Amino acid sequence: DDRPQPGPPGLHRERHAVPADRLAQDLERILGTGILIEDLEITGEGPVSIDVACLVDGRSREIHAEGESAIDAISNVIRLAAELRLAGAFWQMVGPA
């Protein structure tokens, strides 16, 4: 987010530190083994953007989601992560032998 943020430098990032940590833990818990969150960043107040760098079954993936609120953006991240997980499971079943 290139827009200037109110307050001292770094304040905006610190405000999202706890929700980002919690979202990373929730994603790993909800999606189970095979998902490892490497980096997660939440930016904006409304709309909100979330960028997640993760490993899905050993492959590096990035998820970008937006929402009018943090809850909308988090819901979109969880949905996209679940889609990645499902695609990985499908590939394991029908991929090359």
PDB file of N, CA and C in Angstrom:
ATOM      1  N   ASP A   1       0.850  -1.173   0.000  1.00  0.00           N
ATOM      2  CA  ASP A   1       0.000   0.000   0.000  1.00  0.00           C
ATOM      3  C   ASP A   1       0.893   1.232   0.000  1.00  0.00           C
ATOM      4  N   ASP A   2       0.846   2.001  -1.068  1.00  0.00           N
ATOM      5  CA  ASP A   2       1.715   3.165  -1.211  1.00  0.00           C
ATOM      6  C   ASP A   2       1.122   4.416  -0.583  1.00  0.00           C
ATOM      7  N   ARG A   3      -0.113   4.334  -0.126  1.00  0.00           N
ATOM      8  CA  ARG A   3      -0.726   5.509   0.485  1.00  0.00           C
ATOM      9  C   ARG A   3      -0.075   5.796   1.823  1.00  0.00           C
ATOM     10  N   PRO A   4       0.105   7.094   2.149  1.00  0.00           N
ATOM     11  CA  PRO A   4       0.669   7.421   3.465  1.00  0.00           C
ATOM     12  C   PRO A   4      -0.272   6.953   4.574  1.00  0.00           C
ATOM     13  N   GLN A   5       0.298   6.427   5.619  1.00  0.00           N
ATOM     14  CA  GLN A   5      -0.484   5.942   6.754  1.00  0.00           C
ATOM     15  C   GLN A   5      -0.379   6.936   7.903  1.00  0.00           C
ATOM     16  N   PRO A   6      -1.465   7.154   8.627  1.00  0.00           N
ATOM     17  CA  PRO A   6      -1.397   8.071   9.759  1.00  0.00           C
ATOM     18  C   PRO A   6      -0.517   7.521  10.866  1.00  0.00           C
ATOM     19  N   GLY A   7       0.074   8.424  11.624  1.00  0.00           N
ATOM     20  CA  GLY A   7       0.877   8.013  12.770  1.00  0.00           C
ATOM     21  C   GLY A   7       2.307   7.728  12.387  1.00  0.00           C
ATOM     22  N   PRO A   8       3.095   7.303  13.364  1.00  0.00           N
ATOM     23  CA  PRO A   8       4.511   7.044  13.129  1.00  0.00           C
ATOM     24  C   PRO A   8       4.726   5.895  12.147  1.00  0.00           C
ATOM     25  N   PRO A   9       5.878   5.876  11.434  1.00  0.00           N
ATOM     26  CA  PRO A   9       6.160   4.773  10.520  1.00  0.00           C
ATOM     27  C   PRO A   9       6.111   3.434  11.253  1.00  0.00           C
ATOM     28  N   GLY A  10       5.551   2.434  10.596  1.00  0.00           N
ATOM     29  CA  GLY A  10       5.475   1.097  11.182  1.00  0.00           C
ATOM     30  C   GLY A  10       4.227   0.852  11.999  1.00  0.00           C
ATOM     31  N   LEU A  11       3.493   1.901  12.352  1.00  0.00           N
ATOM     32  CA  LEU A  11       2.301   1.729  13.185  1.00  0.00           C
ATOM     33  C   LEU A  11       1.253   0.889  12.467  1.00  0.00           C
ATOM     34  N   HIS A  12       1.046   1.152  11.181  1.00  0.00           N
ATOM     35  CA  HIS A  12       0.033   0.432  10.414  1.00  0.00           C
ATOM     36  C   HIS A  12       0.342  -1.062  10.389  1.00  0.00           C
ATOM     37  N   ARG A  13       1.581  -1.407  10.160  1.00  0.00           N
ATOM     38  CA  ARG A  13       1.972  -2.821  10.119  1.00  0.00           C
ATOM     39  C   ARG A  13       1.799  -3.463  11.497  1.00  0.00           C
ATOM     40  N   GLU A  14       2.154  -2.748  12.562  1.00  0.00           N
ATOM     41  CA  GLU A  14       2.028  -3.304  13.910  1.00  0.00           C
ATOM     42  C   GLU A  14       0.570  -3.555  14.264  1.00  0.00           C
ATOM     43  N   ARG A  15      -0.321  -2.700  13.816  1.00  0.00           N
ATOM     44  CA  ARG A  15      -1.739  -2.845  14.129  1.00  0.00           C
ATOM     45  C   ARG A  15      -2.276  -4.158  13.582  1.00  0.00           C
ATOM     46  N   HIS A  16      -1.734  -4.619  12.439  1.00  0.00           N
ATOM     47  CA  HIS A  16      -2.207  -5.849  11.818  1.00  0.00           C
ATOM     48  C   HIS A  16      -1.386  -7.068  12.221  1.00  0.00           C
ATOM     49  N   ALA A  17      -0.380  -6.899  13.081  1.00  0.00           N
ATOM     50  CA  ALA A  17       0.515  -8.008  13.424  1.00  0.00           C
ATOM     51  C   ALA A  17      -0.225  -9.158  14.094  1.00  0.00           C
ATOM     52  N   VAL A  18      -1.062  -8.870  15.066  1.00  0.00           N
ATOM     53  CA  VAL A  18      -1.784  -9.936  15.767  1.00  0.00           C
ATOM     54  C   VAL A  18      -2.795 -10.609  14.846  1.00  0.00           C
ATOM     55  N   PRO A  19      -3.631  -9.843  14.093  1.00  0.00           N
ATOM     56  CA  PRO A  19      -4.548 -10.535  13.178  1.00  0.00           C
ATOM     57  C   PRO A  19      -3.815 -11.371  12.132  1.00  0.00           C
ATOM     58  N   ALA A  20      -2.667 -10.912  11.633  1.00  0.00           N
ATOM     59  CA  ALA A  20      -1.915 -11.672  10.638  1.00  0.00           C
ATOM     60  C   ALA A  20      -1.410 -12.978  11.244  1.00  0.00           C
ATOM     61  N   ASP A  21      -0.865 -12.923  12.450  1.00  0.00           N
ATOM     62  CA  ASP A  21      -0.394 -14.145  13.117  1.00  0.00           C
ATOM     63  C   ASP A  21      -1.548 -15.108  13.345  1.00  0.00           C
ATOM     64  N   ARG A  22      -2.663 -14.579  13.782  1.00  0.00           N
ATOM     65  CA  ARG A  22      -3.837 -15.425  14.043  1.00  0.00           C
ATOM     66  C   ARG A  22      -4.367 -16.052  12.756  1.00  0.00           C
ATOM     67  N   LEU A  23      -4.425 -15.254  11.674  1.00  0.00           N
ATOM     68  CA  LEU A  23      -4.892 -15.787  10.396  1.00  0.00           C
ATOM     69  C   LEU A  23      -3.971 -16.898   9.903  1.00  0.00           C
ATOM     70  N   ALA A  24      -2.663 -16.716  10.034  1.00  0.00           N
ATOM     71  CA  ALA A  24      -1.716 -17.750   9.620  1.00  0.00           C
ATOM     72  C   ALA A  24      -1.955 -19.046  10.400  1.00  0.00           C
ATOM     73  N   GLN A  25      -2.146 -18.937  11.700  1.00  0.00           N
ATOM     74  CA  GLN A  25      -2.412 -20.120  12.523  1.00  0.00           C
ATOM     75  C   GLN A  25      -3.733 -20.763  12.134  1.00  0.00           C
ATOM     76  N   ASP A  26      -4.753 -19.941  11.907  1.00  0.00           N
ATOM     77  CA  ASP A  26      -6.062 -20.472  11.517  1.00  0.00           C
ATOM     78  C   ASP A  26      -6.000 -21.186  10.177  1.00  0.00           C
ATOM     79  N   LEU A  27      -5.296 -20.594   9.204  1.00  0.00           N
ATOM     80  CA  LEU A  27      -5.170 -21.235   7.893  1.00  0.00           C
ATOM     81  C   LEU A  27      -4.495 -22.592   8.010  1.00  0.00           C
ATOM     82  N   GLU A  28      -3.408 -22.653   8.752  1.00  0.00           N
ATOM     83  CA  GLU A  28      -2.708 -23.924   8.909  1.00  0.00           C
ATOM     84  C   GLU A  28      -3.580 -24.946   9.634  1.00  0.00           C
ATOM     85  N   ARG A  29      -4.331 -24.503  10.639  1.00  0.00           N
ATOM     86  CA  ARG A  29      -5.191 -25.418  11.389  1.00  0.00           C
ATOM     87  C   ARG A  29      -6.367 -25.902  10.535  1.00  0.00           C
ATOM     88  N   ILE A  30      -7.012 -24.992   9.845  1.00  0.00           N
ATOM     89  CA  ILE A  30      -8.192 -25.339   9.054  1.00  0.00           C
ATOM     90  C   ILE A  30      -7.825 -26.246   7.881  1.00  0.00           C
ATOM     91  N   LEU A  31      -6.727 -25.937   7.205  1.00  0.00           N
ATOM     92  CA  LEU A  31      -6.391 -26.664   5.993  1.00  0.00           C
ATOM     93  C   LEU A  31      -5.542 -27.904   6.246  1.00  0.00           C
ATOM     94  N   GLY A  32      -5.023 -28.038   7.440  1.00  0.00           N
ATOM     95  CA  GLY A  32      -4.328 -29.267   7.809  1.00  0.00           C
ATOM     96  C   GLY A  32      -2.920 -29.367   7.258  1.00  0.00           C
ATOM     97  N   THR A  33      -2.402 -30.589   7.273  1.00  0.00           N
ATOM     98  CA  THR A  33      -1.026 -30.822   6.848  1.00  0.00           C
ATOM     99  C   THR A  33      -0.860 -30.509   5.365  1.00  0.00           C
ATOM    100  N   GLY A  34       0.348 -30.160   5.004  1.00  0.00           N
ATOM    101  CA  GLY A  34       0.632 -29.856   3.606  1.00  0.00           C
ATOM    102  C   GLY A  34       0.566 -28.376   3.299  1.00  0.00           C
ATOM    103  N   ILE A  35       0.095 -27.549   4.244  1.00  0.00           N
ATOM    104  CA  ILE A  35       0.044 -26.095   4.056  1.00  0.00           C
ATOM    105  C   ILE A  35       0.969 -25.466   5.088  1.00  0.00           C
ATOM    106  N   LEU A  36       1.939 -24.691   4.623  1.00  0.00           N
ATOM    107  CA  LEU A  36       2.853 -23.988   5.505  1.00  0.00           C
ATOM    108  C   LEU A  36       2.858 -22.515   5.107  1.00  0.00           C
ATOM    109  N   ILE A  37       2.473 -21.649   6.019  1.00  0.00           N
ATOM    110  CA  ILE A  37       2.440 -20.218   5.761  1.00  0.00           C
ATOM    111  C   ILE A  37       3.851 -19.667   5.958  1.00  0.00           C
ATOM    112  N   GLU A  38       4.414 -19.077   4.901  1.00  0.00           N
ATOM    113  CA  GLU A  38       5.745 -18.495   4.980  1.00  0.00           C
ATOM    114  C   GLU A  38       5.695 -17.014   5.332  1.00  0.00           C
ATOM    115  N   ASP A  39       4.727 -16.284   4.772  1.00  0.00           N
ATOM    116  CA  ASP A  39       4.611 -14.853   5.012  1.00  0.00           C
ATOM    117  C   ASP A  39       3.160 -14.448   4.803  1.00  0.00           C
ATOM    118  N   LEU A  40       2.701 -13.494   5.600  1.00  0.00           N
ATOM    119  CA  LEU A  40       1.337 -13.020   5.486  1.00  0.00           C
ATOM    120  C   LEU A  40       1.324 -11.537   5.821  1.00  0.00           C
ATOM    121  N   GLU A  41       0.696 -10.749   4.954  1.00  0.00           N
ATOM    122  CA  GLU A  41       0.647  -9.308   5.175  1.00  0.00           C
ATOM    123  C   GLU A  41      -0.767  -8.798   4.947  1.00  0.00           C
ATOM    124  N   ILE A  42      -1.257  -8.029   5.895  1.00  0.00           N
ATOM    125  CA  ILE A  42      -2.576  -7.403   5.799  1.00  0.00           C
ATOM    126  C   ILE A  42      -2.352  -5.903   5.662  1.00  0.00           C
ATOM    127  N   THR A  43      -2.973  -5.292   4.632  1.00  0.00           N
ATOM    128  CA  THR A  43      -2.840  -3.855   4.433  1.00  0.00           C
ATOM    129  C   THR A  43      -4.206  -3.236   4.183  1.00  0.00           C
ATOM    130  N   GLY A  44      -4.338  -1.979   4.565  1.00  0.00           N
ATOM    131  CA  GLY A  44      -5.553  -1.223   4.318  1.00  0.00           C
ATOM    132  C   GLY A  44      -6.515  -1.283   5.480  1.00  0.00           C
ATOM    133  N   GLU A  45      -7.441  -0.370   5.448  1.00  0.00           N
ATOM    134  CA  GLU A  45      -8.494  -0.305   6.468  1.00  0.00           C
ATOM    135  C   GLU A  45      -9.855  -0.606   5.855  1.00  0.00           C
ATOM    136  N   GLY A  46     -10.017  -0.432   4.601  1.00  0.00           N
ATOM    137  CA  GLY A  46     -11.256  -0.657   3.871  1.00  0.00           C
ATOM    138  C   GLY A  46     -11.155   0.083   2.560  1.00  0.00           C
ATOM    139  N   PRO A  47     -10.922  -0.630   1.505  1.00  0.00           N
ATOM    140  CA  PRO A  47     -10.805  -2.091   1.411  1.00  0.00           C
ATOM    141  C   PRO A  47      -9.500  -2.615   2.029  1.00  0.00           C
ATOM    142  N   VAL A  48      -9.515  -3.892   2.334  1.00  0.00           N
ATOM    143  CA  VAL A  48      -8.382  -4.564   2.967  1.00  0.00           C
ATOM    144  C   VAL A  48      -7.809  -5.573   1.971  1.00  0.00           C
ATOM    145  N   SER A  49      -6.483  -5.612   1.883  1.00  0.00           N
ATOM    146  CA  SER A  49      -5.790  -6.590   1.037  1.00  0.00           C
ATOM    147  C   SER A  49      -4.987  -7.525   1.923  1.00  0.00           C
ATOM    148  N   ILE A  50      -4.972  -8.796   1.549  1.00  0.00           N
ATOM    149  CA  ILE A  50      -4.169  -9.788   2.263  1.00  0.00           C
ATOM    150  C   ILE A  50      -3.350 -10.550   1.230  1.00  0.00           C
ATOM    151  N   ASP A  51      -2.043 -10.607   1.475  1.00  0.00           N
ATOM    152  CA  ASP A  51      -1.137 -11.378   0.633  1.00  0.00           C
ATOM    153  C   ASP A  51      -0.516 -12.479   1.487  1.00  0.00           C
ATOM    154  N   VAL A  52      -0.585 -13.710   0.979  1.00  0.00           N
ATOM    155  CA  VAL A  52      -0.054 -14.863   1.700  1.00  0.00           C
ATOM    156  C   VAL A  52       0.914 -15.602   0.789  1.00  0.00           C
ATOM    157  N   ALA A  53       2.119 -15.829   1.282  1.00  0.00           N
ATOM    158  CA  ALA A  53       3.083 -16.701   0.607  1.00  0.00           C
ATOM    159  C   ALA A  53       3.080 -18.004   1.390  1.00  0.00           C
ATOM    160  N   CYS A  54       2.849 -19.110   0.701  1.00  0.00           N
ATOM    161  CA  CYS A  54       2.748 -20.379   1.411  1.00  0.00           C
ATOM    162  C   CYS A  54       3.302 -21.520   0.582  1.00  0.00           C
ATOM    163  N   LEU A  55       3.526 -22.623   1.264  1.00  0.00           N
ATOM    164  CA  LEU A  55       3.889 -23.873   0.612  1.00  0.00           C
ATOM    165  C   LEU A  55       2.678 -24.784   0.681  1.00  0.00           C
ATOM    166  N   VAL A  56       2.246 -25.262  -0.462  1.00  0.00           N
ATOM    167  CA  VAL A  56       1.120 -26.187  -0.544  1.00  0.00           C
ATOM    168  C   VAL A  56       1.663 -27.475  -1.138  1.00  0.00           C
ATOM    169  N   ASP A  57       1.716 -28.514  -0.326  1.00  0.00           N
ATOM    170  CA  ASP A  57       2.271 -29.799  -0.759  1.00  0.00           C
ATOM    171  C   ASP A  57       3.647 -29.629  -1.401  1.00  0.00           C
ATOM    172  N   GLY A  58       4.490 -28.785  -0.763  1.00  0.00           N
ATOM    173  CA  GLY A  58       5.854 -28.594  -1.213  1.00  0.00           C
ATOM    174  C   GLY A  58       6.039 -27.598  -2.347  1.00  0.00           C
ATOM    175  N   ARG A  59       4.966 -27.020  -2.845  1.00  0.00           N
ATOM    176  CA  ARG A  59       5.050 -26.035  -3.926  1.00  0.00           C
ATOM    177  C   ARG A  59       4.793 -24.642  -3.374  1.00  0.00           C
ATOM    178  N   SER A  60       5.608 -23.685  -3.825  1.00  0.00           N
ATOM    179  CA  SER A  60       5.450 -22.305  -3.393  1.00  0.00           C
ATOM    180  C   SER A  60       4.259 -21.684  -4.118  1.00  0.00           C
ATOM    181  N   ARG A  61       3.370 -21.079  -3.357  1.00  0.00           N
ATOM    182  CA  ARG A  61       2.162 -20.449  -3.905  1.00  0.00           C
ATOM    183  C   ARG A  61       1.962 -19.097  -3.256  1.00  0.00           C
ATOM    184  N   GLU A  62       1.248 -18.236  -3.957  1.00  0.00           N
ATOM    185  CA  GLU A  62       0.872 -16.949  -3.397  1.00  0.00           C
ATOM    186  C   GLU A  62      -0.629 -16.788  -3.510  1.00  0.00           C
ATOM    187  N   ILE A  63      -1.205 -16.238  -2.471  1.00  0.00           N
ATOM    188  CA  ILE A  63      -2.638 -15.964  -2.443  1.00  0.00           C
ATOM    189  C   ILE A  63      -2.802 -14.472  -2.218  1.00  0.00           C
ATOM    190  N   HIS A  64      -3.619 -13.843  -3.040  1.00  0.00           N
ATOM    191  CA  HIS A  64      -3.946 -12.432  -2.853  1.00  0.00           C
ATOM    192  C   HIS A  64      -5.456 -12.324  -2.795  1.00  0.00           C
ATOM    193  N   ALA A  65      -5.946 -11.691  -1.742  1.00  0.00           N
ATOM    194  CA  ALA A  65      -7.387 -11.512  -1.603  1.00  0.00           C
ATOM    195  C   ALA A  65      -7.675 -10.106  -1.099  1.00  0.00           C
ATOM    196  N   GLU A  66      -8.829  -9.619  -1.492  1.00  0.00           N
ATOM    197  CA  GLU A  66      -9.279  -8.306  -1.047  1.00  0.00           C
ATOM    198  C   GLU A  66     -10.697  -8.413  -0.540  1.00  0.00           C
ATOM    199  N   GLY A  67     -11.077  -7.445   0.267  1.00  0.00           N
ATOM    200  CA  GLY A  67     -12.440  -7.373   0.764  1.00  0.00           C
ATOM    201  C   GLY A  67     -12.726  -5.980   1.270  1.00  0.00           C
ATOM    202  N   GLU A  68     -13.982  -5.648   1.365  1.00  0.00           N
ATOM    203  CA  GLU A  68     -14.375  -4.336   1.872  1.00  0.00           C
ATOM    204  C   GLU A  68     -14.008  -4.177   3.341  1.00  0.00           C
ATOM    205  N   SER A  69     -13.898  -5.305   4.051  1.00  0.00           N
ATOM    206  CA  SER A  69     -13.500  -5.290   5.464  1.00  0.00           C
ATOM    207  C   SER A  69     -12.477  -6.403   5.668  1.00  0.00           C
ATOM    208  N   ALA A  70     -11.872  -6.413   6.849  1.00  0.00           N
ATOM    209  CA  ALA A  70     -10.912  -7.473   7.168  1.00  0.00           C
ATOM    210  C   ALA A  70     -11.593  -8.838   7.142  1.00  0.00           C
ATOM    211  N   ILE A  71     -12.802  -8.915   7.640  1.00  0.00           N
ATOM    212  CA  ILE A  71     -13.526 -10.200   7.666  1.00  0.00           C
ATOM    213  C   ILE A  71     -13.770 -10.700   6.245  1.00  0.00           C
ATOM    214  N   ASP A  72     -14.162  -9.797   5.328  1.00  0.00           N
ATOM    215  CA  ASP A  72     -14.368 -10.198   3.931  1.00  0.00           C
ATOM    216  C   ASP A  72     -13.065 -10.701   3.316  1.00  0.00           C
ATOM    217  N   ALA A  73     -11.972  -9.983   3.551  1.00  0.00           N
ATOM    218  CA  ALA A  73     -10.684 -10.374   2.982  1.00  0.00           C
ATOM    219  C   ALA A  73     -10.223 -11.714   3.551  1.00  0.00           C
ATOM    220  N   ILE A  74     -10.378 -11.905   4.853  1.00  0.00           N
ATOM    221  CA  ILE A  74      -9.992 -13.170   5.492  1.00  0.00           C
ATOM    222  C   ILE A  74     -10.814 -14.322   4.929  1.00  0.00           C
ATOM    223  N   SER A  75     -12.112 -14.114   4.750  1.00  0.00           N
ATOM    224  CA  SER A  75     -12.973 -15.153   4.163  1.00  0.00           C
ATOM    225  C   SER A  75     -12.497 -15.524   2.769  1.00  0.00           C
ATOM    226  N   ASN A  76     -12.115 -14.512   1.987  1.00  0.00           N
ATOM    227  CA  ASN A  76     -11.622 -14.772   0.635  1.00  0.00           C
ATOM    228  C   ASN A  76     -10.295 -15.526   0.654  1.00  0.00           C
ATOM    229  N   VAL A  77      -9.412 -15.200   1.591  1.00  0.00           N
ATOM    230  CA  VAL A  77      -8.140 -15.923   1.712  1.00  0.00           C
ATOM    231  C   VAL A  77      -8.404 -17.388   2.050  1.00  0.00           C
ATOM    232  N   ILE A  78      -9.282 -17.639   2.988  1.00  0.00           N
ATOM    233  CA  ILE A  78      -9.584 -19.018   3.388  1.00  0.00           C
ATOM    234  C   ILE A  78     -10.183 -19.790   2.217  1.00  0.00           C
ATOM    235  N   ARG A  79     -11.076 -19.158   1.463  1.00  0.00           N
ATOM    236  CA  ARG A  79     -11.672 -19.813   0.302  1.00  0.00           C
ATOM    237  C   ARG A  79     -10.610 -20.141  -0.750  1.00  0.00           C
ATOM    238  N   LEU A  80      -9.729 -19.182  -1.054  1.00  0.00           N
ATOM    239  CA  LEU A  80      -8.679 -19.414  -2.050  1.00  0.00           C
ATOM    240  C   LEU A  80      -7.688 -20.476  -1.590  1.00  0.00           C
ATOM    241  N   ALA A  81      -7.351 -20.480  -0.308  1.00  0.00           N
ATOM    242  CA  ALA A  81      -6.445 -21.498   0.226  1.00  0.00           C
ATOM    243  C   ALA A  81      -7.086 -22.879   0.135  1.00  0.00           C
ATOM    244  N   ALA A  82      -8.373 -22.966   0.421  1.00  0.00           N
ATOM    245  CA  ALA A  82      -9.078 -24.243   0.316  1.00  0.00           C
ATOM    246  C   ALA A  82      -9.098 -24.725  -1.135  1.00  0.00           C
ATOM    247  N   GLU A  83      -9.255 -23.795  -2.083  1.00  0.00           N
ATOM    248  CA  GLU A  83      -9.214 -24.164  -3.496  1.00  0.00           C
ATOM    249  C   GLU A  83      -7.844 -24.722  -3.875  1.00  0.00           C
ATOM    250  N   LEU A  84      -6.775 -24.095  -3.363  1.00  0.00           N
ATOM    251  CA  LEU A  84      -5.426 -24.610  -3.625  1.00  0.00           C
ATOM    252  C   LEU A  84      -5.272 -26.027  -3.072  1.00  0.00           C
ATOM    253  N   ARG A  85      -5.773 -26.226  -1.876  1.00  0.00           N
ATOM    254  CA  ARG A  85      -5.685 -27.538  -1.219  1.00  0.00           C
ATOM    255  C   ARG A  85      -6.443 -28.591  -2.022  1.00  0.00           C
ATOM    256  N   LEU A  86      -7.639 -28.237  -2.471  1.00  0.00           N
ATOM    257  CA  LEU A  86      -8.454 -29.161  -3.257  1.00  0.00           C
ATOM    258  C   LEU A  86      -7.775 -29.484  -4.589  1.00  0.00           C
ATOM    259  N   ALA A  87      -7.213 -28.470  -5.231  1.00  0.00           N
ATOM    260  CA  ALA A  87      -6.506 -28.693  -6.498  1.00  0.00           C
ATOM    261  C   ALA A  87      -5.314 -29.627  -6.280  1.00  0.00           C
ATOM    262  N   GLY A  88      -4.601 -29.449  -5.172  1.00  0.00           N
ATOM    263  CA  GLY A  88      -3.468 -30.327  -4.867  1.00  0.00           C
ATOM    264  C   GLY A  88      -3.914 -31.758  -4.641  1.00  0.00           C
ATOM    265  N   ALA A  89      -5.010 -31.942  -3.922  1.00  0.00           N
ATOM    266  CA  ALA A  89      -5.529 -33.287  -3.664  1.00  0.00           C
ATOM    267  C   ALA A  89      -5.996 -33.936  -4.968  1.00  0.00           C
ATOM    268  N   PHE A  90      -6.649 -33.168  -5.818  1.00  0.00           N
ATOM    269  CA  PHE A  90      -7.105 -33.688  -7.100  1.00  0.00           C
ATOM    270  C   PHE A  90      -5.914 -34.137  -7.947  1.00  0.00           C
ATOM    271  N   TRP A  91      -4.860 -33.304  -7.983  1.00  0.00           N
ATOM    272  CA  TRP A  91      -3.666 -33.626  -8.772  1.00  0.00           C
ATOM    273  C   TRP A  91      -3.014 -34.910  -8.257  1.00  0.00           C
ATOM    274  N   GLN A  92      -3.006 -35.112  -6.951  1.00  0.00           N
ATOM    275  CA  GLN A  92      -2.416 -36.337  -6.405  1.00  0.00           C
ATOM    276  C   GLN A  92      -3.186 -37.560  -6.844  1.00  0.00           C
ATOM    277  N   MET A  93      -4.509 -37.413  -7.023  1.00  0.00           N
ATOM    278  CA  MET A  93      -5.331 -38.554  -7.425  1.00  0.00           C
ATOM    279  C   MET A  93      -5.229 -38.850  -8.917  1.00  0.00           C
ATOM    280  N   VAL A  94      -5.149 -37.814  -9.767  1.00  0.00           N
ATOM    281  CA  VAL A  94      -5.200 -38.055 -11.208  1.00  0.00           C
ATOM    282  C   VAL A  94      -3.930 -37.648 -11.944  1.00  0.00           C
ATOM    283  N   GLY A  95      -2.929 -37.152 -11.217  1.00  0.00           N
ATOM    284  CA  GLY A  95      -1.682 -36.700 -11.838  1.00  0.00           C
ATOM    285  C   GLY A  95      -0.917 -37.846 -12.464  1.00  0.00           C
ATOM    286  N   PRO A  96       0.196 -37.493 -13.136  1.00  0.00           N
ATOM    287  CA  PRO A  96       0.989 -38.534 -13.798  1.00  0.00           C
ATOM    288  C   PRO A  96       1.546 -39.551 -12.791  1.00  0.00           C
ATOM    289  N   ALA A  97       1.603 -40.774 -13.228  1.00  0.00           N
ATOM    290  CA  ALA A  97       2.074 -41.867 -12.362  1.00  0.00           C
ATOM    291  C   ALA A  97       3.580 -41.941 -12.342  1.00  0.00           C
TER     292      ALA A  97
END
